[in-house]
Structures are given as C-alpha cells and as structure tokens.
Amino acid sequence: MNSLDRAMKRKQKAERVLTDLQLIQKWRTVGDCFVVGAAAYNLMVSPDIDLETFCDVPNPHIIMSELAMLTLNKNVIELKYRDYTSSDFNGYYFKLLYRAEELE
C-alpha cells in the first residue's frame, strides 16, 4: 500500500470518528466549523483531526458544556481545554482523545 492509499484509509477512519461523535454538528452550535489540516487535504499521516471554529463571541463555558456530553461516548478517553487568549494564538484550544480502534 502506498502513502496516498494509507492517507485515504486514515481519512475514512477520521470521517467515521466525526460521524460517531457528530462533532462538526456540535461545533456548528458554537460557530462556523471547518475541517482543516491534513484531514482537509487527504494527506493524513497520523490519526489527527483538526477543526477550526469561528464565532463572534467565543465562550469556552458553552463550548465545554457541549463537548462534555461527548464524554458519555465510551471511545472518548480525554478532553482538554486551554486558554490562549493572552498569546499570539489568541483563542481557545480544545483537545479530545478518541479510541478509534473500536470503529474497526
């Protein structure tokens, strides 16, 4: 299997994760959500999905409340939050770890 075939298989797995968690739909309750990074370009090397969400008034409490419901999914094993509003990044960062092997 060549690297493009591997990337496509990873992309398909990523799409199953997004569907299982309904992650894009949940983020759309916060703002405009887009898949970015390697998953957006079908060039996935590692199992990592990046999403960017743009909204007029970011509220981490509302976002975390929405994401907290995802912890009810048996495959969600970690949820992290970071406030980078005082840095050059100037935003909030959320990270969710998901055990994708259960999708096989």
C-alpha atoms as a PDB file:
ATOM      1  CA  MET A   1       0.000   0.000   0.000  1.00  0.00           C
ATOM      2  CA  ASN A   2       1.425   3.381  -0.944  1.00  0.00           C
ATOM      3  CA  SER A   3       1.343   6.533   1.199  1.00  0.00           C
ATOM      4  CA  LEU A   4      -1.681   8.008  -0.611  1.00  0.00           C
ATOM      5  CA  ASP A   5      -3.673   4.819  -0.003  1.00  0.00           C
ATOM      6  CA  ARG A   6      -2.713   4.922   3.699  1.00  0.00           C
ATOM      7  CA  ALA A   7      -3.716   8.578   3.889  1.00  0.00           C
ATOM      8  CA  MET A   8      -7.101   7.778   2.321  1.00  0.00           C
ATOM      9  CA  LYS A   9      -7.721   4.969   4.824  1.00  0.00           C
ATOM     10  CA  ARG A  10      -6.872   7.354   7.671  1.00  0.00           C
ATOM     11  CA  LYS A  11      -9.224   9.948   6.178  1.00  0.00           C
ATOM     12  CA  GLN A  12     -12.041   7.384   6.066  1.00  0.00           C
ATOM     13  CA  LYS A  13     -11.409   6.486   9.698  1.00  0.00           C
ATOM     14  CA  ALA A  14     -11.415  10.195  10.598  1.00  0.00           C
ATOM     15  CA  GLU A  15     -14.773  10.622   8.869  1.00  0.00           C
ATOM     16  CA  ARG A  16     -16.186   7.705  10.898  1.00  0.00           C
ATOM     17  CA  VAL A  17     -14.972   9.368  14.114  1.00  0.00           C
ATOM     18  CA  LEU A  18     -16.536  12.695  13.124  1.00  0.00           C
ATOM     19  CA  THR A  19     -19.795  10.913  12.312  1.00  0.00           C
ATOM     20  CA  ASP A  20     -19.777   8.843  15.511  1.00  0.00           C
ATOM     21  CA  LEU A  21     -19.302  11.929  17.672  1.00  0.00           C
ATOM     22  CA  GLN A  22     -21.361  14.259  15.443  1.00  0.00           C
ATOM     23  CA  LEU A  23     -18.505  16.639  16.144  1.00  0.00           C
ATOM     24  CA  ILE A  24     -18.994  19.070  13.285  1.00  0.00           C
ATOM     25  CA  GLN A  25     -22.695  19.397  14.074  1.00  0.00           C
ATOM     26  CA  LYS A  26     -21.870  20.101  17.736  1.00  0.00           C
ATOM     27  CA  TRP A  27     -19.264  22.726  16.833  1.00  0.00           C
ATOM     28  CA  ARG A  28     -21.741  24.388  14.469  1.00  0.00           C
ATOM     29  CA  THR A  29     -23.863  25.244  17.522  1.00  0.00           C
ATOM     30  CA  VAL A  30     -20.909  27.451  18.535  1.00  0.00           C
ATOM     31  CA  GLY A  31     -19.932  28.947  15.167  1.00  0.00           C
ATOM     32  CA  ASP A  32     -18.738  28.191  11.661  1.00  0.00           C
ATOM     33  CA  CYS A  33     -16.776  24.931  11.800  1.00  0.00           C
ATOM     34  CA  PHE A  34     -14.254  23.685   9.246  1.00  0.00           C
ATOM     35  CA  VAL A  35     -12.077  20.585   8.952  1.00  0.00           C
ATOM     36  CA  VAL A  36      -8.537  21.875   8.404  1.00  0.00           C
ATOM     37  CA  GLY A  37      -5.017  20.477   8.289  1.00  0.00           C
ATOM     38  CA  ALA A  38      -4.048  17.152   6.779  1.00  0.00           C
ATOM     39  CA  ALA A  39      -7.563  15.698   7.021  1.00  0.00           C
ATOM     40  CA  ALA A  40      -8.911  18.509   4.845  1.00  0.00           C
ATOM     41  CA  TYR A  41      -6.365  17.732   2.127  1.00  0.00           C
ATOM     42  CA  ASN A  42      -6.474  13.911   2.311  1.00  0.00           C
ATOM     43  CA  LEU A  43      -2.831  13.837   3.459  1.00  0.00           C
ATOM     44  CA  MET A  44      -3.197  12.285   6.913  1.00  0.00           C
ATOM     45  CA  VAL A  45      -0.011  10.756   8.264  1.00  0.00           C
ATOM     46  CA  SER A  46      -1.090  10.445  11.893  1.00  0.00           C
ATOM     47  CA  PRO A  47      -4.584   9.897  13.287  1.00  0.00           C
ATOM     48  CA  ASP A  48      -5.325  13.541  13.998  1.00  0.00           C
ATOM     49  CA  ILE A  49      -8.339  15.648  13.005  1.00  0.00           C
ATOM     50  CA  ASP A  50      -8.066  19.425  13.214  1.00  0.00           C
ATOM     51  CA  LEU A  51     -11.136  21.639  13.323  1.00  0.00           C
ATOM     52  CA  GLU A  52     -11.321  25.410  13.377  1.00  0.00           C
ATOM     53  CA  THR A  53     -14.434  27.187  14.548  1.00  0.00           C
ATOM     54  CA  PHE A  54     -15.089  30.881  14.121  1.00  0.00           C
ATOM     55  CA  CYS A  55     -17.692  32.754  16.127  1.00  0.00           C
ATOM     56  CA  ASP A  56     -18.484  36.341  17.039  1.00  0.00           C
ATOM     57  CA  VAL A  57     -18.207  35.918  20.812  1.00  0.00           C
ATOM     58  CA  PRO A  58     -16.230  32.805  21.835  1.00  0.00           C
ATOM     59  CA  ASN A  59     -17.478  31.406  25.126  1.00  0.00           C
ATOM     60  CA  PRO A  60     -15.422  28.487  26.457  1.00  0.00           C
ATOM     61  CA  HIS A  61     -18.103  27.622  29.038  1.00  0.00           C
ATOM     62  CA  ILE A  62     -20.690  26.997  26.311  1.00  0.00           C
ATOM     63  CA  ILE A  63     -18.167  25.096  24.208  1.00  0.00           C
ATOM     64  CA  MET A  64     -17.048  22.875  27.092  1.00  0.00           C
ATOM     65  CA  SER A  65     -20.667  22.188  28.044  1.00  0.00           C
ATOM     66  CA  GLU A  66     -21.303  20.928  24.534  1.00  0.00           C
ATOM     67  CA  LEU A  67     -18.114  18.863  24.439  1.00  0.00           C
ATOM     68  CA  ALA A  68     -18.674  17.442  27.941  1.00  0.00           C
ATOM     69  CA  MET A  69     -21.591  15.455  26.553  1.00  0.00           C
ATOM     70  CA  LEU A  70     -19.100  13.631  24.339  1.00  0.00           C
ATOM     71  CA  THR A  71     -17.556  12.012  27.417  1.00  0.00           C
ATOM     72  CA  LEU A  72     -20.642   9.776  27.501  1.00  0.00           C
ATOM     73  CA  ASN A  73     -19.211   8.073  24.402  1.00  0.00           C
ATOM     74  CA  LYS A  74     -17.188   5.035  25.529  1.00  0.00           C
ATOM     75  CA  ASN A  75     -14.454   5.839  22.991  1.00  0.00           C
ATOM     76  CA  VAL A  76     -13.766   9.337  24.323  1.00  0.00           C
ATOM     77  CA  ILE A  77     -10.895   8.933  26.764  1.00  0.00           C
ATOM     78  CA  GLU A  78      -9.764  12.520  27.382  1.00  0.00           C
ATOM     79  CA  LEU A  79     -10.947  16.110  26.993  1.00  0.00           C
ATOM     80  CA  LYS A  80      -8.616  19.103  27.445  1.00  0.00           C
ATOM     81  CA  TYR A  81      -9.078  22.870  27.405  1.00  0.00           C
ATOM     82  CA  ARG A  82      -6.514  25.673  27.175  1.00  0.00           C
ATOM     83  CA  ASP A  83      -6.973  29.431  27.210  1.00  0.00           C
ATOM     84  CA  TYR A  84      -4.557  31.071  24.787  1.00  0.00           C
ATOM     85  CA  THR A  85      -6.314  34.436  24.578  1.00  0.00           C
ATOM     86  CA  SER A  86      -3.281  36.186  26.117  1.00  0.00           C
ATOM     87  CA  SER A  87      -0.904  34.792  23.491  1.00  0.00           C
ATOM     88  CA  ASP A  88      -0.256  35.312  19.784  1.00  0.00           C
ATOM     89  CA  PHE A  89      -2.667  32.414  19.115  1.00  0.00           C
ATOM     90  CA  ASN A  90      -5.468  34.493  20.704  1.00  0.00           C
ATOM     91  CA  GLY A  91      -8.045  31.766  21.035  1.00  0.00           C
ATOM     92  CA  TYR A  92      -9.239  28.735  22.912  1.00  0.00           C
ATOM     93  CA  TYR A  93      -7.918  25.244  22.321  1.00  0.00           C
ATOM     94  CA  PHE A  94      -9.833  22.037  22.948  1.00  0.00           C
ATOM     95  CA  LYS A  95      -8.405  18.566  22.512  1.00  0.00           C
ATOM     96  CA  LEU A  96     -10.360  15.357  22.531  1.00  0.00           C
ATOM     97  CA  LEU A  97      -8.734  11.923  22.548  1.00  0.00           C
ATOM     98  CA  TYR A  98     -10.749   9.152  20.985  1.00  0.00           C
ATOM     99  CA  ARG A  99     -10.046   5.415  20.916  1.00  0.00           C
ATOM    100  CA  ALA A 100     -10.673   4.802  17.201  1.00  0.00           C
ATOM    101  CA  GLU A 101      -9.838   1.088  17.222  1.00  0.00           C
ATOM    102  CA  GLU A 102     -13.410   0.459  18.399  1.00  0.00           C
ATOM    103  CA  LEU A 103     -14.605   1.525  14.930  1.00  0.00           C
ATOM    104  CA  GLU A 104     -12.898  -1.323  13.092  1.00  0.00           C
END
